[in-house]
Amino acid sequence: MKKILLIIIALIIGGVAYSQTISSYVVASAGESAENGNISISWTLGEVAVETLESSSITLTQGFQQGYFEITSIDESITGNITLKVYPNPAAEFIWVAMETVDIKVATIEIFDIDGKRVYNQKWHLIDGEKQILLNGFSASQYILRVSDETGKVLQNLKLIKR
C-alpha cells in the first residue's frame, strides 16, 4: 500500500515539475485604451475574466490583456552597422520604414503573411528617405517584414501587426 501511495505522489510531483506552462495571450476582435491624467483604462473584447473586484459604485473585472505592441525583431540584425525602424505598430492603414546605414544604397522590402506567402515585394532606394507602405489591402493579422540588401542577404526580419 505504501509503495502505491509513493508511486502516486511521485507521479503527481513529476507531473507538476515537468508540466507545460502557457503564457497569457489574447487575440481579440476589438479593444481600446484611454488615458486621462493619472488614470489609464484599456479593454479587449472576448477575453477571459479571472477576477472581479466590486465596491458600492465601481465594478472592475480583470483578465488577460496584451500590452501595447512594438515592432519585435525576430532575430538580431545580421550586419551590425544598420538601424532599422518600422512604425507604427500595430498599424491600420500604413507603416513607415526607415533605415540608417552607410554601406547599403538599395534594399528590398518583403512582407509575408502568417502562412509564409509573400504579399508585398518592392525595391527601396535609401537615398529617397523613409518608405511608406500602404496596408489597406491587408487583412488584420500578423506579418513578417523582411529587409534584404542588393545581394539578397537578409538584414533583418520583423514582426508586424495589422489591425
N, C-alpha and C. Protein backbone atom coordinates (compact mmCIF):
# COMPACT_ATOMS: atom_id res chain seq x y z
N MET A 1 0.82 -1.19 0.00
CA MET A 1 0.00 0.00 0.00
C MET A 1 0.86 1.26 0.00
N LYS A 2 1.97 1.22 0.81
CA LYS A 2 2.85 2.36 0.87
C LYS A 2 3.53 2.60 -0.47
N LYS A 3 3.86 1.51 -1.20
CA LYS A 3 4.51 1.64 -2.50
C LYS A 3 3.58 2.33 -3.50
N ILE A 4 2.33 1.95 -3.49
CA ILE A 4 1.36 2.55 -4.40
C ILE A 4 1.19 4.03 -4.07
N LEU A 5 1.11 4.36 -2.80
CA LEU A 5 0.98 5.76 -2.39
C LEU A 5 2.22 6.55 -2.79
N LEU A 6 3.41 6.00 -2.61
CA LEU A 6 4.65 6.66 -3.01
C LEU A 6 4.71 6.84 -4.53
N ILE A 7 4.26 5.87 -5.29
CA ILE A 7 4.25 5.97 -6.75
C ILE A 7 3.29 7.07 -7.20
N ILE A 8 2.12 7.16 -6.59
CA ILE A 8 1.14 8.19 -6.93
C ILE A 8 1.69 9.58 -6.61
N ILE A 9 2.31 9.73 -5.44
CA ILE A 9 2.89 11.02 -5.05
C ILE A 9 4.02 11.40 -6.01
N ALA A 10 4.86 10.42 -6.38
CA ALA A 10 5.96 10.68 -7.31
C ALA A 10 5.43 11.11 -8.67
N LEU A 11 4.36 10.47 -9.14
CA LEU A 11 3.76 10.83 -10.42
C LEU A 11 3.17 12.25 -10.38
N ILE A 12 2.52 12.60 -9.30
CA ILE A 12 1.95 13.94 -9.17
C ILE A 12 3.06 14.98 -9.14
N ILE A 13 4.09 14.76 -8.34
CA ILE A 13 5.20 15.70 -8.26
C ILE A 13 5.90 15.79 -9.62
N GLY A 14 6.13 14.67 -10.28
CA GLY A 14 6.76 14.68 -11.59
C GLY A 14 5.91 15.41 -12.62
N GLY A 15 4.60 15.21 -12.56
CA GLY A 15 3.72 15.90 -13.50
C GLY A 15 3.71 17.40 -13.29
N VAL A 16 3.74 17.84 -12.04
CA VAL A 16 3.77 19.27 -11.74
C VAL A 16 5.12 19.87 -12.11
N ALA A 17 6.19 19.15 -11.83
CA ALA A 17 7.53 19.67 -12.08
C ALA A 17 7.82 19.80 -13.57
N TYR A 18 7.30 18.92 -14.41
CA TYR A 18 7.60 18.93 -15.83
C TYR A 18 6.39 19.31 -16.69
N SER A 19 5.42 19.94 -16.11
CA SER A 19 4.23 20.30 -16.88
C SER A 19 4.49 21.50 -17.77
N GLN A 20 3.68 21.63 -18.77
CA GLN A 20 3.80 22.73 -19.73
C GLN A 20 3.24 24.02 -19.12
N THR A 21 3.91 25.13 -19.42
CA THR A 21 3.39 26.42 -18.99
C THR A 21 2.95 27.19 -20.22
N ILE A 22 1.87 27.89 -20.09
CA ILE A 22 1.34 28.70 -21.18
C ILE A 22 1.22 30.12 -20.70
N SER A 23 1.81 31.05 -21.44
CA SER A 23 1.74 32.45 -21.04
C SER A 23 0.39 33.03 -21.42
N SER A 24 0.03 34.12 -20.78
CA SER A 24 -1.22 34.80 -21.07
C SER A 24 -1.15 35.43 -22.45
N TYR A 25 -2.11 35.14 -23.31
CA TYR A 25 -2.11 35.66 -24.67
C TYR A 25 -3.55 35.75 -25.15
N VAL A 26 -3.93 36.89 -25.64
CA VAL A 26 -5.29 37.09 -26.11
C VAL A 26 -5.24 37.60 -27.55
N VAL A 27 -6.04 36.98 -28.40
CA VAL A 27 -6.25 37.51 -29.73
C VAL A 27 -7.71 37.95 -29.73
N ALA A 28 -7.94 39.24 -29.69
CA ALA A 28 -9.28 39.77 -29.53
C ALA A 28 -9.74 40.46 -30.81
N SER A 29 -11.04 40.53 -30.99
CA SER A 29 -11.59 41.17 -32.18
C SER A 29 -11.76 42.68 -32.01
N ALA A 30 -11.71 43.17 -30.79
CA ALA A 30 -11.86 44.60 -30.56
C ALA A 30 -11.17 44.97 -29.26
N GLY A 31 -10.85 46.25 -29.13
CA GLY A 31 -10.21 46.73 -27.91
C GLY A 31 -9.95 48.22 -28.01
N GLU A 32 -9.65 48.81 -26.89
CA GLU A 32 -9.41 50.26 -26.85
C GLU A 32 -8.67 50.58 -25.57
N SER A 33 -8.00 51.71 -25.57
CA SER A 33 -7.38 52.20 -24.35
C SER A 33 -7.54 53.71 -24.30
N ALA A 34 -7.59 54.23 -23.09
CA ALA A 34 -7.76 55.67 -22.90
C ALA A 34 -7.00 56.10 -21.66
N GLU A 35 -6.49 57.33 -21.71
CA GLU A 35 -5.78 57.90 -20.57
C GLU A 35 -6.32 59.28 -20.27
N ASN A 36 -6.41 59.58 -18.97
CA ASN A 36 -6.85 60.90 -18.53
C ASN A 36 -6.13 61.20 -17.23
N GLY A 37 -5.12 62.04 -17.31
CA GLY A 37 -4.36 62.34 -16.10
C GLY A 37 -3.62 61.12 -15.60
N ASN A 38 -3.91 60.71 -14.37
CA ASN A 38 -3.25 59.55 -13.78
C ASN A 38 -4.03 58.25 -13.98
N ILE A 39 -5.15 58.31 -14.69
CA ILE A 39 -5.99 57.13 -14.88
C ILE A 39 -5.80 56.60 -16.28
N SER A 40 -5.61 55.29 -16.38
CA SER A 40 -5.46 54.62 -17.66
C SER A 40 -6.38 53.41 -17.67
N ILE A 41 -7.18 53.28 -18.73
CA ILE A 41 -8.11 52.16 -18.86
C ILE A 41 -7.91 51.55 -20.23
N SER A 42 -7.88 50.22 -20.28
CA SER A 42 -7.83 49.54 -21.57
C SER A 42 -8.69 48.29 -21.48
N TRP A 43 -9.19 47.85 -22.64
CA TRP A 43 -10.07 46.69 -22.65
C TRP A 43 -9.91 45.94 -23.97
N THR A 44 -10.24 44.66 -23.92
CA THR A 44 -10.33 43.85 -25.13
C THR A 44 -11.61 43.03 -25.07
N LEU A 45 -12.20 42.82 -26.22
CA LEU A 45 -13.45 42.05 -26.32
C LEU A 45 -13.12 40.57 -26.43
N GLY A 46 -13.76 39.77 -25.60
CA GLY A 46 -13.62 38.33 -25.70
C GLY A 46 -12.59 37.71 -24.78
N GLU A 47 -12.00 38.47 -23.88
CA GLU A 47 -11.00 37.89 -23.01
C GLU A 47 -11.67 37.20 -21.82
N VAL A 48 -10.96 36.27 -21.25
CA VAL A 48 -11.47 35.51 -20.12
C VAL A 48 -11.27 36.32 -18.85
N ALA A 49 -12.34 36.48 -18.06
CA ALA A 49 -12.24 37.20 -16.79
C ALA A 49 -11.63 36.27 -15.75
N VAL A 50 -10.66 36.77 -14.98
CA VAL A 50 -10.03 35.95 -13.96
C VAL A 50 -10.29 36.47 -12.55
N GLU A 51 -10.73 37.71 -12.42
CA GLU A 51 -11.02 38.25 -11.10
C GLU A 51 -11.95 39.45 -11.23
N THR A 52 -12.88 39.57 -10.30
CA THR A 52 -13.78 40.72 -10.28
C THR A 52 -13.70 41.38 -8.92
N LEU A 53 -13.49 42.71 -8.93
CA LEU A 53 -13.44 43.48 -7.70
C LEU A 53 -14.62 44.44 -7.71
N GLU A 54 -15.33 44.54 -6.59
CA GLU A 54 -16.52 45.38 -6.54
C GLU A 54 -16.50 46.28 -5.31
N SER A 55 -17.02 47.48 -5.49
CA SER A 55 -17.29 48.38 -4.37
C SER A 55 -18.71 48.87 -4.58
N SER A 56 -19.15 49.83 -3.78
CA SER A 56 -20.52 50.30 -3.89
C SER A 56 -20.79 50.99 -5.23
N SER A 57 -19.77 51.61 -5.84
CA SER A 57 -20.03 52.35 -7.08
C SER A 57 -19.23 51.85 -8.29
N ILE A 58 -18.24 50.98 -8.09
CA ILE A 58 -17.38 50.56 -9.19
C ILE A 58 -17.26 49.05 -9.21
N THR A 59 -17.32 48.47 -10.42
CA THR A 59 -17.04 47.06 -10.62
C THR A 59 -15.90 46.96 -11.61
N LEU A 60 -14.84 46.23 -11.24
CA LEU A 60 -13.68 46.07 -12.09
C LEU A 60 -13.46 44.59 -12.33
N THR A 61 -13.52 44.19 -13.59
CA THR A 61 -13.27 42.81 -13.95
C THR A 61 -11.92 42.75 -14.65
N GLN A 62 -11.03 41.96 -14.10
CA GLN A 62 -9.68 41.86 -14.65
C GLN A 62 -9.53 40.57 -15.43
N GLY A 63 -8.70 40.61 -16.49
CA GLY A 63 -8.44 39.42 -17.28
C GLY A 63 -7.07 39.51 -17.91
N PHE A 64 -6.78 38.62 -18.81
CA PHE A 64 -5.52 38.66 -19.53
C PHE A 64 -5.65 39.66 -20.65
N GLN A 65 -4.64 40.49 -20.82
CA GLN A 65 -4.70 41.51 -21.84
C GLN A 65 -3.32 41.73 -22.42
N GLN A 66 -3.27 41.92 -23.72
CA GLN A 66 -1.99 42.19 -24.35
C GLN A 66 -1.65 43.64 -24.15
N GLY A 67 -0.40 43.91 -23.90
CA GLY A 67 0.06 45.29 -23.79
C GLY A 67 0.23 45.91 -25.16
N TYR A 68 0.70 47.13 -25.19
CA TYR A 68 0.95 47.82 -26.44
C TYR A 68 2.07 47.13 -27.19
N PHE A 69 1.84 46.79 -28.44
CA PHE A 69 2.83 46.08 -29.24
C PHE A 69 3.77 47.04 -29.92
N GLU A 70 5.03 46.73 -29.88
CA GLU A 70 6.05 47.41 -30.66
C GLU A 70 6.51 46.43 -31.71
N ILE A 71 7.13 46.92 -32.75
CA ILE A 71 7.75 46.02 -33.71
C ILE A 71 8.77 45.18 -32.96
N THR A 72 8.75 43.89 -33.15
CA THR A 72 9.64 42.99 -32.47
C THR A 72 10.58 42.37 -33.48
N SER A 73 11.85 42.50 -33.25
CA SER A 73 12.83 41.87 -34.12
C SER A 73 12.81 40.37 -33.86
N ILE A 74 12.72 39.60 -34.92
CA ILE A 74 12.71 38.15 -34.77
C ILE A 74 14.11 37.63 -34.51
N ASP A 75 15.09 38.27 -35.13
CA ASP A 75 16.47 37.92 -34.87
C ASP A 75 17.30 39.19 -34.86
N GLU A 76 18.49 39.08 -34.37
CA GLU A 76 19.37 40.24 -34.34
C GLU A 76 19.75 40.62 -35.76
N SER A 77 20.01 41.89 -35.95
CA SER A 77 20.45 42.36 -37.24
C SER A 77 21.73 41.62 -37.63
N ILE A 78 21.75 41.12 -38.87
CA ILE A 78 22.90 40.35 -39.32
C ILE A 78 24.12 41.24 -39.46
N THR A 79 23.93 42.44 -39.97
CA THR A 79 25.04 43.38 -40.05
C THR A 79 24.86 44.39 -38.94
N GLY A 80 25.91 44.64 -38.18
CA GLY A 80 25.81 45.50 -37.02
C GLY A 80 25.81 46.98 -37.33
N ASN A 81 25.96 47.38 -38.60
CA ASN A 81 26.08 48.79 -38.91
C ASN A 81 24.81 49.38 -39.52
N ILE A 82 23.66 48.79 -39.24
CA ILE A 82 22.40 49.37 -39.70
C ILE A 82 21.45 49.56 -38.53
N THR A 83 20.58 50.55 -38.67
CA THR A 83 19.49 50.76 -37.73
C THR A 83 18.22 50.80 -38.54
N LEU A 84 17.32 49.87 -38.27
CA LEU A 84 16.06 49.77 -38.99
C LEU A 84 14.92 50.12 -38.06
N LYS A 85 14.03 51.02 -38.50
CA LYS A 85 12.85 51.40 -37.72
C LYS A 85 11.61 51.22 -38.58
N VAL A 86 10.60 50.59 -38.00
CA VAL A 86 9.32 50.40 -38.66
C VAL A 86 8.24 50.85 -37.69
N TYR A 87 7.39 51.78 -38.10
CA TYR A 87 6.37 52.32 -37.21
C TYR A 87 5.19 52.82 -38.01
N PRO A 88 3.99 52.93 -37.45
CA PRO A 88 3.55 52.48 -36.11
C PRO A 88 3.28 50.98 -36.12
N ASN A 89 3.20 50.43 -34.95
CA ASN A 89 2.85 49.03 -34.82
C ASN A 89 2.13 48.82 -33.49
N PRO A 90 0.91 48.33 -33.49
CA PRO A 90 0.19 47.82 -34.63
C PRO A 90 -0.19 48.93 -35.61
N ALA A 91 -0.39 48.56 -36.85
CA ALA A 91 -0.69 49.53 -37.90
C ALA A 91 -2.08 49.26 -38.46
N ALA A 92 -2.73 50.32 -38.91
CA ALA A 92 -4.06 50.17 -39.50
C ALA A 92 -4.04 50.43 -41.00
N GLU A 93 -3.49 51.57 -41.42
CA GLU A 93 -3.54 51.96 -42.83
C GLU A 93 -2.18 51.92 -43.51
N PHE A 94 -1.10 52.22 -42.79
CA PHE A 94 0.22 52.28 -43.39
C PHE A 94 1.29 52.12 -42.32
N ILE A 95 2.52 51.84 -42.79
CA ILE A 95 3.70 51.84 -41.92
C ILE A 95 4.78 52.67 -42.61
N TRP A 96 5.70 53.15 -41.83
CA TRP A 96 6.89 53.84 -42.32
C TRP A 96 8.08 52.95 -42.03
N VAL A 97 8.99 52.83 -43.00
CA VAL A 97 10.21 52.06 -42.83
C VAL A 97 11.38 53.03 -43.01
N ALA A 98 12.26 53.07 -42.02
CA ALA A 98 13.44 53.94 -42.08
C ALA A 98 14.67 53.12 -41.75
N MET A 99 15.76 53.35 -42.50
CA MET A 99 16.99 52.62 -42.23
C MET A 99 18.17 53.59 -42.31
N GLU A 100 19.03 53.50 -41.31
CA GLU A 100 20.25 54.31 -41.27
C GLU A 100 21.44 53.38 -41.51
N THR A 101 22.19 53.65 -42.58
CA THR A 101 23.37 52.87 -42.91
C THR A 101 24.22 53.65 -43.90
N VAL A 102 25.50 53.36 -43.93
CA VAL A 102 26.37 54.00 -44.92
C VAL A 102 26.76 53.01 -46.01
N ASP A 103 26.60 51.73 -45.74
CA ASP A 103 27.05 50.69 -46.66
C ASP A 103 26.02 50.31 -47.72
N ILE A 104 24.75 50.47 -47.44
CA ILE A 104 23.70 49.96 -48.32
C ILE A 104 22.98 51.12 -48.99
N LYS A 105 22.82 51.02 -50.29
CA LYS A 105 22.14 52.07 -51.07
C LYS A 105 20.75 51.65 -51.51
N VAL A 106 20.56 50.35 -51.79
CA VAL A 106 19.29 49.82 -52.25
C VAL A 106 18.95 48.59 -51.40
N ALA A 107 17.71 48.52 -50.96
CA ALA A 107 17.25 47.38 -50.17
C ALA A 107 15.95 46.86 -50.77
N THR A 108 15.58 45.65 -50.41
CA THR A 108 14.32 45.06 -50.82
C THR A 108 13.48 44.84 -49.58
N ILE A 109 12.24 45.29 -49.63
CA ILE A 109 11.30 45.09 -48.53
C ILE A 109 10.28 44.05 -48.96
N GLU A 110 10.14 43.01 -48.15
CA GLU A 110 9.14 41.97 -48.41
C GLU A 110 8.28 41.81 -47.17
N ILE A 111 7.00 41.53 -47.39
CA ILE A 111 6.09 41.24 -46.28
C ILE A 111 5.47 39.88 -46.57
N PHE A 112 5.49 39.01 -45.56
CA PHE A 112 4.94 37.66 -45.67
C PHE A 112 3.78 37.51 -44.71
N ASP A 113 2.73 36.83 -45.14
CA ASP A 113 1.59 36.59 -44.25
C ASP A 113 1.91 35.43 -43.31
N ILE A 114 0.95 35.07 -42.48
CA ILE A 114 1.15 34.05 -41.45
C ILE A 114 1.41 32.67 -42.05
N ASP A 115 0.99 32.46 -43.31
CA ASP A 115 1.22 31.19 -43.99
C ASP A 115 2.54 31.16 -44.75
N GLY A 116 3.30 32.26 -44.72
CA GLY A 116 4.57 32.32 -45.41
C GLY A 116 4.47 32.80 -46.84
N LYS A 117 3.29 33.20 -47.27
CA LYS A 117 3.10 33.69 -48.65
C LYS A 117 3.54 35.15 -48.72
N ARG A 118 4.35 35.48 -49.72
CA ARG A 118 4.80 36.87 -49.89
C ARG A 118 3.64 37.70 -50.43
N VAL A 119 3.29 38.77 -49.68
CA VAL A 119 2.17 39.63 -50.06
C VAL A 119 2.63 41.02 -50.48
N TYR A 120 3.93 41.30 -50.31
CA TYR A 120 4.48 42.60 -50.70
C TYR A 120 5.95 42.42 -51.03
N ASN A 121 6.41 43.06 -52.11
CA ASN A 121 7.80 42.97 -52.51
C ASN A 121 8.13 44.22 -53.31
N GLN A 122 9.09 45.01 -52.82
CA GLN A 122 9.44 46.24 -53.53
C GLN A 122 10.87 46.64 -53.22
N LYS A 123 11.57 47.15 -54.23
CA LYS A 123 12.91 47.71 -54.04
C LYS A 123 12.78 49.09 -53.39
N TRP A 124 13.78 49.43 -52.60
CA TRP A 124 13.76 50.70 -51.88
C TRP A 124 15.12 51.36 -52.02
N HIS A 125 15.15 52.51 -52.65
CA HIS A 125 16.37 53.29 -52.77
C HIS A 125 16.48 54.17 -51.53
N LEU A 126 17.46 53.88 -50.69
CA LEU A 126 17.57 54.54 -49.39
C LEU A 126 17.81 56.04 -49.51
N ILE A 127 18.32 56.49 -50.63
CA ILE A 127 18.54 57.92 -50.82
C ILE A 127 17.22 58.69 -50.85
N ASP A 128 16.11 57.98 -51.15
CA ASP A 128 14.79 58.60 -51.17
C ASP A 128 14.24 58.86 -49.77
N GLY A 129 14.90 58.35 -48.74
CA GLY A 129 14.45 58.55 -47.36
C GLY A 129 13.49 57.46 -46.90
N GLU A 130 12.70 57.79 -45.90
CA GLU A 130 11.75 56.81 -45.34
C GLU A 130 10.77 56.34 -46.40
N LYS A 131 10.34 55.09 -46.27
CA LYS A 131 9.41 54.49 -47.23
C LYS A 131 8.08 54.26 -46.53
N GLN A 132 7.01 54.70 -47.17
CA GLN A 132 5.66 54.44 -46.64
C GLN A 132 5.08 53.25 -47.39
N ILE A 133 4.54 52.31 -46.65
CA ILE A 133 3.89 51.14 -47.24
C ILE A 133 2.44 51.16 -46.82
N LEU A 134 1.54 51.20 -47.79
CA LEU A 134 0.10 51.18 -47.52
C LEU A 134 -0.35 49.77 -47.20
N LEU A 135 -1.15 49.62 -46.16
CA LEU A 135 -1.63 48.31 -45.72
C LEU A 135 -3.13 48.15 -45.92
N ASN A 136 -3.75 49.00 -46.70
CA ASN A 136 -5.20 48.96 -46.87
C ASN A 136 -5.70 47.62 -47.41
N GLY A 137 -4.95 46.97 -48.29
CA GLY A 137 -5.37 45.70 -48.86
C GLY A 137 -5.06 44.50 -48.00
N PHE A 138 -4.42 44.71 -46.87
CA PHE A 138 -4.02 43.60 -46.00
C PHE A 138 -5.13 43.33 -44.99
N SER A 139 -5.37 42.06 -44.69
CA SER A 139 -6.35 41.72 -43.65
C SER A 139 -5.69 41.85 -42.28
N ALA A 140 -6.51 42.00 -41.25
CA ALA A 140 -5.99 42.11 -39.89
C ALA A 140 -5.33 40.79 -39.49
N SER A 141 -4.04 40.84 -39.24
CA SER A 141 -3.28 39.64 -38.91
C SER A 141 -1.86 40.02 -38.50
N GLN A 142 -1.03 39.01 -38.31
CA GLN A 142 0.38 39.23 -38.05
C GLN A 142 1.15 38.92 -39.32
N TYR A 143 2.20 39.70 -39.58
CA TYR A 143 3.01 39.54 -40.77
C TYR A 143 4.48 39.58 -40.39
N ILE A 144 5.31 39.09 -41.28
CA ILE A 144 6.76 39.19 -41.14
C ILE A 144 7.25 40.16 -42.21
N LEU A 145 7.97 41.19 -41.78
CA LEU A 145 8.57 42.16 -42.69
C LEU A 145 10.05 41.84 -42.77
N ARG A 146 10.54 41.61 -44.00
CA ARG A 146 11.95 41.26 -44.21
C ARG A 146 12.61 42.33 -45.05
N VAL A 147 13.79 42.77 -44.61
CA VAL A 147 14.58 43.74 -45.36
C VAL A 147 15.88 43.04 -45.77
N SER A 148 16.18 43.10 -47.08
CA SER A 148 17.38 42.47 -47.64
C SER A 148 18.19 43.51 -48.40
N ASP A 149 19.49 43.25 -48.55
CA ASP A 149 20.32 44.16 -49.34
C ASP A 149 20.26 43.78 -50.82
N GLU A 150 21.06 44.45 -51.66
CA GLU A 150 21.04 44.22 -53.11
C GLU A 150 21.40 42.79 -53.50
N THR A 151 22.23 42.15 -52.69
CA THR A 151 22.67 40.79 -53.00
C THR A 151 21.67 39.74 -52.52
N GLY A 152 20.64 40.15 -51.82
CA GLY A 152 19.65 39.20 -51.29
C GLY A 152 19.94 38.78 -49.87
N LYS A 153 21.00 39.29 -49.28
CA LYS A 153 21.34 38.96 -47.89
C LYS A 153 20.32 39.60 -46.96
N VAL A 154 19.69 38.80 -46.12
CA VAL A 154 18.66 39.29 -45.21
C VAL A 154 19.33 40.12 -44.12
N LEU A 155 18.87 41.36 -44.00
CA LEU A 155 19.40 42.27 -42.98
C LEU A 155 18.65 42.13 -41.67
N GLN A 156 17.31 42.00 -41.76
CA GLN A 156 16.52 41.87 -40.54
C GLN A 156 15.11 41.40 -40.88
N ASN A 157 14.53 40.61 -39.97
CA ASN A 157 13.13 40.19 -40.02
C ASN A 157 12.42 40.82 -38.83
N LEU A 158 11.23 41.36 -39.07
CA LEU A 158 10.46 41.99 -38.00
C LEU A 158 9.03 41.48 -38.02
N LYS A 159 8.42 41.44 -36.83
CA LYS A 159 7.01 41.09 -36.74
C LYS A 159 6.18 42.36 -36.87
N LEU A 160 5.17 42.32 -37.73
CA LEU A 160 4.29 43.45 -37.97
C LEU A 160 2.86 43.02 -37.69
N ILE A 161 2.11 43.85 -36.95
CA ILE A 161 0.72 43.53 -36.66
C ILE A 161 -0.17 44.52 -37.36
N LYS A 162 -1.10 44.01 -38.18
CA LYS A 162 -2.06 44.84 -38.91
C LYS A 162 -3.40 44.71 -38.20
N ARG A 163 -3.95 45.88 -37.82
CA ARG A 163 -5.27 45.89 -37.15
C ARG A 163 -6.36 45.76 -38.16
